[in-house]
Amino acid sequence: MILDYEPGDKVINPKNKDWGIGQVQSIIKEKVTVNFENVGKKVINANLIELIKI
């Protein structure tokens, strides 16, 4: 699996657009920690949820 984002990048979750824009905090294997403007910090499994870099 190759992720096209890294810590500091801005991303959105297209299935949960109401979360707002998120900033990638860390990536450990498939676990991506993102701080979203509307819902706070979420740990995303990149194998299950697509994040789109903006």
PDB file of N, CA and C in Angstrom:
ATOM      1  N   MET A   1       0.846  -1.189   0.000  1.00  0.00           N
ATOM      2  CA  MET A   1       0.000   0.000   0.000  1.00  0.00           C
ATOM      3  C   MET A   1       0.887   1.248   0.000  1.00  0.00           C
ATOM      4  N   ILE A   2       0.602   2.145  -0.910  1.00  0.00           N
ATOM      5  CA  ILE A   2       1.332   3.409  -0.987  1.00  0.00           C
ATOM      6  C   ILE A   2       0.348   4.538  -0.723  1.00  0.00           C
ATOM      7  N   LEU A   3       0.656   5.348   0.285  1.00  0.00           N
ATOM      8  CA  LEU A   3      -0.193   6.493   0.605  1.00  0.00           C
ATOM      9  C   LEU A   3       0.388   7.723  -0.059  1.00  0.00           C
ATOM     10  N   ASP A   4      -0.475   8.562  -0.640  1.00  0.00           N
ATOM     11  CA  ASP A   4       0.020   9.747  -1.352  1.00  0.00           C
ATOM     12  C   ASP A   4      -0.048  11.000  -0.481  1.00  0.00           C
ATOM     13  N   TYR A   5       0.030  10.832   0.829  1.00  0.00           N
ATOM     14  CA  TYR A   5       0.059  11.975   1.735  1.00  0.00           C
ATOM     15  C   TYR A   5       1.030  11.668   2.871  1.00  0.00           C
ATOM     16  N   GLU A   6       1.414  12.710   3.573  1.00  0.00           N
ATOM     17  CA  GLU A   6       2.376  12.583   4.668  1.00  0.00           C
ATOM     18  C   GLU A   6       1.993  13.579   5.760  1.00  0.00           C
ATOM     19  N   PRO A   7       2.587  13.470   6.945  1.00  0.00           N
ATOM     20  CA  PRO A   7       2.241  14.406   8.020  1.00  0.00           C
ATOM     21  C   PRO A   7       2.331  15.865   7.569  1.00  0.00           C
ATOM     22  N   GLY A   8       1.299  16.624   7.934  1.00  0.00           N
ATOM     23  CA  GLY A   8       1.224  18.030   7.557  1.00  0.00           C
ATOM     24  C   GLY A   8       0.306  18.286   6.381  1.00  0.00           C
ATOM     25  N   ASP A   9       0.031  17.251   5.583  1.00  0.00           N
ATOM     26  CA  ASP A   9      -0.846  17.416   4.414  1.00  0.00           C
ATOM     27  C   ASP A   9      -2.291  17.601   4.849  1.00  0.00           C
ATOM     28  N   LYS A  10      -3.046  18.329   4.041  1.00  0.00           N
ATOM     29  CA  LYS A  10      -4.481  18.529   4.264  1.00  0.00           C
ATOM     30  C   LYS A  10      -5.238  17.482   3.456  1.00  0.00           C
ATOM     31  N   VAL A  11      -6.239  16.873   4.103  1.00  0.00           N
ATOM     32  CA  VAL A  11      -7.022  15.815   3.468  1.00  0.00           C
ATOM     33  C   VAL A  11      -8.499  15.988   3.798  1.00  0.00           C
ATOM     34  N   ILE A  12      -9.332  15.296   3.021  1.00  0.00           N
ATOM     35  CA  ILE A  12     -10.756  15.188   3.345  1.00  0.00           C
ATOM     36  C   ILE A  12     -11.137  13.715   3.288  1.00  0.00           C
ATOM     37  N   ASN A  13     -12.202  13.373   4.006  1.00  0.00           N
ATOM     38  CA  ASN A  13     -12.779  12.045   3.920  1.00  0.00           C
ATOM     39  C   ASN A  13     -14.041  12.193   3.078  1.00  0.00           C
ATOM     40  N   PRO A  14     -14.035  11.726   1.821  1.00  0.00           N
ATOM     41  CA  PRO A  14     -15.172  11.970   0.930  1.00  0.00           C
ATOM     42  C   PRO A  14     -16.484  11.358   1.416  1.00  0.00           C
ATOM     43  N   LYS A  15     -16.433  10.343   2.267  1.00  0.00           N
ATOM     44  CA  LYS A  15     -17.671   9.738   2.781  1.00  0.00           C
ATOM     45  C   LYS A  15     -18.200  10.489   4.001  1.00  0.00           C
ATOM     46  N   ASN A  16     -17.387  11.360   4.590  1.00  0.00           N
ATOM     47  CA  ASN A  16     -17.794  12.150   5.757  1.00  0.00           C
ATOM     48  C   ASN A  16     -17.343  13.599   5.557  1.00  0.00           C
ATOM     49  N   LYS A  17     -17.869  14.237   4.528  1.00  0.00           N
ATOM     50  CA  LYS A  17     -17.438  15.606   4.202  1.00  0.00           C
ATOM     51  C   LYS A  17     -17.751  16.595   5.312  1.00  0.00           C
ATOM     52  N   ASP A  18     -18.749  16.271   6.160  1.00  0.00           N
ATOM     53  CA  ASP A  18     -19.090  17.172   7.256  1.00  0.00           C
ATOM     54  C   ASP A  18     -17.992  17.215   8.327  1.00  0.00           C
ATOM     55  N   TRP A  19     -17.022  16.306   8.282  1.00  0.00           N
ATOM     56  CA  TRP A  19     -15.876  16.366   9.195  1.00  0.00           C
ATOM     57  C   TRP A  19     -15.014  17.578   8.891  1.00  0.00           C
ATOM     58  N   GLY A  20     -15.083  18.077   7.669  1.00  0.00           N
ATOM     59  CA  GLY A  20     -14.279  19.224   7.266  1.00  0.00           C
ATOM     60  C   GLY A  20     -12.892  18.810   6.807  1.00  0.00           C
ATOM     61  N   ILE A  21     -12.033  19.774   6.691  1.00  0.00           N
ATOM     62  CA  ILE A  21     -10.650  19.541   6.260  1.00  0.00           C
ATOM     63  C   ILE A  21      -9.849  19.028   7.452  1.00  0.00           C
ATOM     64  N   GLY A  22      -9.032  18.042   7.186  1.00  0.00           N
ATOM     65  CA  GLY A  22      -8.184  17.482   8.233  1.00  0.00           C
ATOM     66  C   GLY A  22      -6.714  17.642   7.896  1.00  0.00           C
ATOM     67  N   GLN A  23      -5.899  17.651   8.938  1.00  0.00           N
ATOM     68  CA  GLN A  23      -4.450  17.694   8.741  1.00  0.00           C
ATOM     69  C   GLN A  23      -3.871  16.391   9.276  1.00  0.00           C
ATOM     70  N   VAL A  24      -3.090  15.710   8.423  1.00  0.00           N
ATOM     71  CA  VAL A  24      -2.465  14.449   8.813  1.00  0.00           C
ATOM     72  C   VAL A  24      -1.446  14.738   9.918  1.00  0.00           C
ATOM     73  N   GLN A  25      -1.577  14.016  11.037  1.00  0.00           N
ATOM     74  CA  GLN A  25      -0.672  14.177  12.172  1.00  0.00           C
ATOM     75  C   GLN A  25       0.444  13.136  12.142  1.00  0.00           C
ATOM     76  N   SER A  26       0.068  11.875  11.882  1.00  0.00           N
ATOM     77  CA  SER A  26       1.068  10.809  11.843  1.00  0.00           C
ATOM     78  C   SER A  26       0.553   9.646  11.008  1.00  0.00           C
ATOM     79  N   ILE A  27       1.495   8.829  10.538  1.00  0.00           N
ATOM     80  CA  ILE A  27       1.165   7.627   9.778  1.00  0.00           C
ATOM     81  C   ILE A  27       2.033   6.501  10.342  1.00  0.00           C
ATOM     82  N   ILE A  28       1.371   5.478  10.882  1.00  0.00           N
ATOM     83  CA  ILE A  28       2.075   4.302  11.397  1.00  0.00           C
ATOM     84  C   ILE A  28       1.432   3.090  10.743  1.00  0.00           C
ATOM     85  N   LYS A  29       2.170   2.496   9.804  1.00  0.00           N
ATOM     86  CA  LYS A  29       1.648   1.411   8.966  1.00  0.00           C
ATOM     87  C   LYS A  29       0.385   1.894   8.278  1.00  0.00           C
ATOM     88  N   GLU A  30      -0.768   1.219   8.481  1.00  0.00           N
ATOM     89  CA  GLU A  30      -1.989   1.657   7.797  1.00  0.00           C
ATOM     90  C   GLU A  30      -2.828   2.615   8.639  1.00  0.00           C
ATOM     91  N   LYS A  31      -2.379   2.936   9.845  1.00  0.00           N
ATOM     92  CA  LYS A  31      -3.126   3.837  10.734  1.00  0.00           C
ATOM     93  C   LYS A  31      -2.689   5.283  10.514  1.00  0.00           C
ATOM     94  N   VAL A  32      -3.636   6.107  10.108  1.00  0.00           N
ATOM     95  CA  VAL A  32      -3.368   7.512   9.823  1.00  0.00           C
ATOM     96  C   VAL A  32      -4.135   8.354  10.843  1.00  0.00           C
ATOM     97  N   THR A  33      -3.431   9.155  11.625  1.00  0.00           N
ATOM     98  CA  THR A  33      -4.076  10.043  12.588  1.00  0.00           C
ATOM     99  C   THR A  33      -4.272  11.393  11.923  1.00  0.00           C
ATOM    100  N   VAL A  34      -5.530  11.846  11.910  1.00  0.00           N
ATOM    101  CA  VAL A  34      -5.888  13.091  11.238  1.00  0.00           C
ATOM    102  C   VAL A  34      -6.662  13.962  12.223  1.00  0.00           C
ATOM    103  N   ASN A  35      -6.330  15.247  12.287  1.00  0.00           N
ATOM    104  CA  ASN A  35      -7.070  16.197  13.113  1.00  0.00           C
ATOM    105  C   ASN A  35      -8.014  16.969  12.199  1.00  0.00           C
ATOM    106  N   PHE A  36      -9.331  16.651  12.285  1.00  0.00           N
ATOM    107  CA  PHE A  36     -10.335  17.294  11.443  1.00  0.00           C
ATOM    108  C   PHE A  36     -10.890  18.531  12.134  1.00  0.00           C
ATOM    109  N   GLU A  37     -11.227  19.549  11.346  1.00  0.00           N
ATOM    110  CA  GLU A  37     -11.680  20.825  11.898  1.00  0.00           C
ATOM    111  C   GLU A  37     -13.009  20.727  12.632  1.00  0.00           C
ATOM    112  N   ASN A  38     -13.897  19.810  12.239  1.00  0.00           N
ATOM    113  CA  ASN A  38     -15.230  19.747  12.851  1.00  0.00           C
ATOM    114  C   ASN A  38     -15.418  18.630  13.874  1.00  0.00           C
ATOM    115  N   VAL A  39     -14.578  17.599  13.827  1.00  0.00           N
ATOM    116  CA  VAL A  39     -14.765  16.456  14.731  1.00  0.00           C
ATOM    117  C   VAL A  39     -13.520  16.103  15.531  1.00  0.00           C
ATOM    118  N   GLY A  40     -12.453  16.845  15.350  1.00  0.00           N
ATOM    119  CA  GLY A  40     -11.238  16.579  16.118  1.00  0.00           C
ATOM    120  C   GLY A  40     -10.411  15.437  15.548  1.00  0.00           C
ATOM    121  N   LYS A  41      -9.670  14.793  16.429  1.00  0.00           N
ATOM    122  CA  LYS A  41      -8.704  13.782  16.018  1.00  0.00           C
ATOM    123  C   LYS A  41      -9.374  12.441  15.764  1.00  0.00           C
ATOM    124  N   LYS A  42      -9.042  11.841  14.622  1.00  0.00           N
ATOM    125  CA  LYS A  42      -9.549  10.523  14.248  1.00  0.00           C
ATOM    126  C   LYS A  42      -8.375   9.665  13.806  1.00  0.00           C
ATOM    127  N   VAL A  43      -8.401   8.396  14.175  1.00  0.00           N
ATOM    128  CA  VAL A  43      -7.421   7.432  13.677  1.00  0.00           C
ATOM    129  C   VAL A  43      -8.118   6.635  12.587  1.00  0.00           C
ATOM    130  N   ILE A  44      -7.585   6.745  11.381  1.00  0.00           N
ATOM    131  CA  ILE A  44      -8.196   6.164  10.185  1.00  0.00           C
ATOM    132  C   ILE A  44      -7.378   4.955   9.739  1.00  0.00           C
ATOM    133  N   ASN A  45      -8.063   3.850   9.433  1.00  0.00           N
ATOM    134  CA  ASN A  45      -7.394   2.710   8.817  1.00  0.00           C
ATOM    135  C   ASN A  45      -7.402   2.951   7.313  1.00  0.00           C
ATOM    136  N   ALA A  46      -6.234   3.224   6.745  1.00  0.00           N
ATOM    137  CA  ALA A  46      -6.138   3.589   5.333  1.00  0.00           C
ATOM    138  C   ALA A  46      -6.516   2.430   4.404  1.00  0.00           C
ATOM    139  N   ASN A  47      -6.561   1.205   4.937  1.00  0.00           N
ATOM    140  CA  ASN A  47      -7.011   0.065   4.121  1.00  0.00           C
ATOM    141  C   ASN A  47      -8.523   0.075   3.941  1.00  0.00           C
ATOM    142  N   LEU A  48      -9.234   0.749   4.847  1.00  0.00           N
ATOM    143  CA  LEU A  48     -10.702   0.720   4.831  1.00  0.00           C
ATOM    144  C   LEU A  48     -11.335   2.039   4.422  1.00  0.00           C
ATOM    145  N   ILE A  49     -10.663   3.149   4.703  1.00  0.00           N
ATOM    146  CA  ILE A  49     -11.239   4.474   4.447  1.00  0.00           C
ATOM    147  C   ILE A  49     -10.300   5.264   3.561  1.00  0.00           C
ATOM    148  N   GLU A  50     -10.838   5.806   2.479  1.00  0.00           N
ATOM    149  CA  GLU A  50     -10.045   6.594   1.536  1.00  0.00           C
ATOM    150  C   GLU A  50      -9.987   8.050   2.014  1.00  0.00           C
ATOM    151  N   LEU A  51      -8.795   8.589   2.049  1.00  0.00           N
ATOM    152  CA  LEU A  51      -8.605  10.020   2.297  1.00  0.00           C
ATOM    153  C   LEU A  51      -8.090  10.642   1.008  1.00  0.00           C
ATOM    154  N   ILE A  52      -8.563  11.837   0.705  1.00  0.00           N
ATOM    155  CA  ILE A  52      -8.136  12.525  -0.510  1.00  0.00           C
ATOM    156  C   ILE A  52      -7.335  13.758  -0.126  1.00  0.00           C
ATOM    157  N   LYS A  53      -6.122  13.833  -0.660  1.00  0.00           N
ATOM    158  CA  LYS A  53      -5.259  14.990  -0.412  1.00  0.00           C
ATOM    159  C   LYS A  53      -5.806  16.203  -1.161  1.00  0.00           C
ATOM    160  N   ILE A  54      -5.793  17.343  -0.492  1.00  0.00           N
ATOM    161  CA  ILE A  54      -6.279  18.569  -1.151  1.00  0.00           C
ATOM    162  C   ILE A  54      -5.167  19.597  -1.207  1.00  0.00           C
TER     163      ILE A  54
END
